[in-house]
Amino acid sequence: MLGINASTLSRYVTAGKIPGPKSAQLGGMSMHLWTEREIERVRKLLPNIEDGRTTRHQKQARKSTKSTS
């Protein structure tokens, strides 16, 4: 629904980049209970979340341009 992998979503929740939904125990597993409102809120937040891989490469590019100038 959000266009990202479930593991990415879980990593963002764990890192505190997006608020996590309520959880419930089902058969020994923890399940996240997302509401439509929470999904829409996350959808609006996603463009503002820095992707660690992208930002790392951007930072490296800025450092290399500063050192050559």
C-alpha atoms as a PDB file:
ATOM      1  CA  MET A   1       0.000   0.000   0.000  1.00  0.00           C
ATOM      2  CA  LEU A   2       2.903   2.357   0.681  1.00  0.00           C
ATOM      3  CA  GLY A   3       5.175   1.211  -2.112  1.00  0.00           C
ATOM      4  CA  ILE A   4       7.985   0.087   0.199  1.00  0.00           C
ATOM      5  CA  ASN A   5       9.088  -3.318   1.417  1.00  0.00           C
ATOM      6  CA  ALA A   6       7.708  -4.588   4.748  1.00  0.00           C
ATOM      7  CA  SER A   7      11.235  -4.899   6.143  1.00  0.00           C
ATOM      8  CA  THR A   8      11.921  -1.256   5.241  1.00  0.00           C
ATOM      9  CA  LEU A   9       8.728  -0.195   6.977  1.00  0.00           C
ATOM     10  CA  SER A  10       9.679  -2.223  10.050  1.00  0.00           C
ATOM     11  CA  ARG A  11      13.169  -0.683  10.061  1.00  0.00           C
ATOM     12  CA  TYR A  12      11.686   2.855   9.871  1.00  0.00           C
ATOM     13  CA  VAL A  13       9.351   2.099  12.806  1.00  0.00           C
ATOM     14  CA  THR A  14      12.237   0.638  14.857  1.00  0.00           C
ATOM     15  CA  ALA A  15      14.453   3.644  14.066  1.00  0.00           C
ATOM     16  CA  GLY A  16      11.671   6.030  15.082  1.00  0.00           C
ATOM     17  CA  LYS A  17      11.458   7.614  11.629  1.00  0.00           C
ATOM     18  CA  ILE A  18       7.719   6.924  11.549  1.00  0.00           C
ATOM     19  CA  PRO A  19       5.306   6.293  14.409  1.00  0.00           C
ATOM     20  CA  GLY A  20       4.415   2.667  14.918  1.00  0.00           C
ATOM     21  CA  PRO A  21       0.840   1.421  15.020  1.00  0.00           C
ATOM     22  CA  LYS A  22      -0.754  -0.595  17.774  1.00  0.00           C
ATOM     23  CA  SER A  23       0.434  -4.184  18.023  1.00  0.00           C
ATOM     24  CA  ALA A  24      -1.370  -7.399  18.899  1.00  0.00           C
ATOM     25  CA  GLN A  25      -0.127 -10.895  19.710  1.00  0.00           C
ATOM     26  CA  LEU A  26      -1.488 -13.547  17.376  1.00  0.00           C
ATOM     27  CA  GLY A  27      -0.278 -17.118  17.688  1.00  0.00           C
ATOM     28  CA  GLY A  28       2.984 -16.094  19.313  1.00  0.00           C
ATOM     29  CA  MET A  29       3.707 -13.438  16.688  1.00  0.00           C
ATOM     30  CA  SER A  30       3.434  -9.693  17.045  1.00  0.00           C
ATOM     31  CA  MET A  31       1.243  -8.098  14.358  1.00  0.00           C
ATOM     32  CA  HIS A  32       1.007  -4.389  13.602  1.00  0.00           C
ATOM     33  CA  LEU A  33      -2.534  -3.095  13.253  1.00  0.00           C
ATOM     34  CA  TRP A  34      -2.434  -0.256  10.708  1.00  0.00           C
ATOM     35  CA  THR A  35      -5.495   1.939  10.261  1.00  0.00           C
ATOM     36  CA  GLU A  36      -6.255   3.856   7.060  1.00  0.00           C
ATOM     37  CA  ARG A  37      -5.475   7.107   8.873  1.00  0.00           C
ATOM     38  CA  GLU A  38      -2.042   5.845   9.978  1.00  0.00           C
ATOM     39  CA  ILE A  39      -1.252   4.624   6.471  1.00  0.00           C
ATOM     40  CA  GLU A  40      -2.108   8.038   5.006  1.00  0.00           C
ATOM     41  CA  ARG A  41       0.027   9.760   7.657  1.00  0.00           C
ATOM     42  CA  VAL A  42       2.991   7.526   6.815  1.00  0.00           C
ATOM     43  CA  ARG A  43       2.409   8.085   3.097  1.00  0.00           C
ATOM     44  CA  LYS A  44       2.814  11.830   3.697  1.00  0.00           C
ATOM     45  CA  LEU A  45       5.945  11.292   5.826  1.00  0.00           C
ATOM     46  CA  LEU A  46       7.768   8.966   3.418  1.00  0.00           C
ATOM     47  CA  PRO A  47       9.061  11.652   1.001  1.00  0.00           C
ATOM     48  CA  ASN A  48      10.690  13.447   3.955  1.00  0.00           C
ATOM     49  CA  ILE A  49      12.486  10.390   5.360  1.00  0.00           C
ATOM     50  CA  GLU A  50      16.153  10.315   4.505  1.00  0.00           C
ATOM     51  CA  ASP A  51      17.245   7.063   2.920  1.00  0.00           C
ATOM     52  CA  GLY A  52      20.546   6.170   4.583  1.00  0.00           C
ATOM     53  CA  ARG A  53      22.072   4.780   1.410  1.00  0.00           C
ATOM     54  CA  THR A  54      21.178   7.822  -0.709  1.00  0.00           C
ATOM     55  CA  THR A  55      22.236  10.369   1.869  1.00  0.00           C
ATOM     56  CA  ARG A  56      25.514   8.545   2.517  1.00  0.00           C
ATOM     57  CA  HIS A  57      26.438   8.815  -1.164  1.00  0.00           C
ATOM     58  CA  GLN A  58      25.347  12.452  -1.308  1.00  0.00           C
ATOM     59  CA  LYS A  59      27.500  13.268   1.721  1.00  0.00           C
ATOM     60  CA  GLN A  60      30.482  11.517   0.158  1.00  0.00           C
ATOM     61  CA  ALA A  61      29.982  13.472  -3.078  1.00  0.00           C
ATOM     62  CA  ARG A  62      29.844  16.774  -1.171  1.00  0.00           C
ATOM     63  CA  LYS A  63      33.025  15.923   0.718  1.00  0.00           C
ATOM     64  CA  SER A  64      34.862  15.076  -2.497  1.00  0.00           C
ATOM     65  CA  THR A  65      33.770  18.333  -4.189  1.00  0.00           C
ATOM     66  CA  LYS A  66      34.834  20.376  -1.152  1.00  0.00           C
ATOM     67  CA  SER A  67      38.245  18.731  -0.998  1.00  0.00           C
ATOM     68  CA  THR A  68      38.911  19.301  -4.711  1.00  0.00           C
ATOM     69  CA  SER A  69      37.937  22.975  -4.671  1.00  0.00           C
END
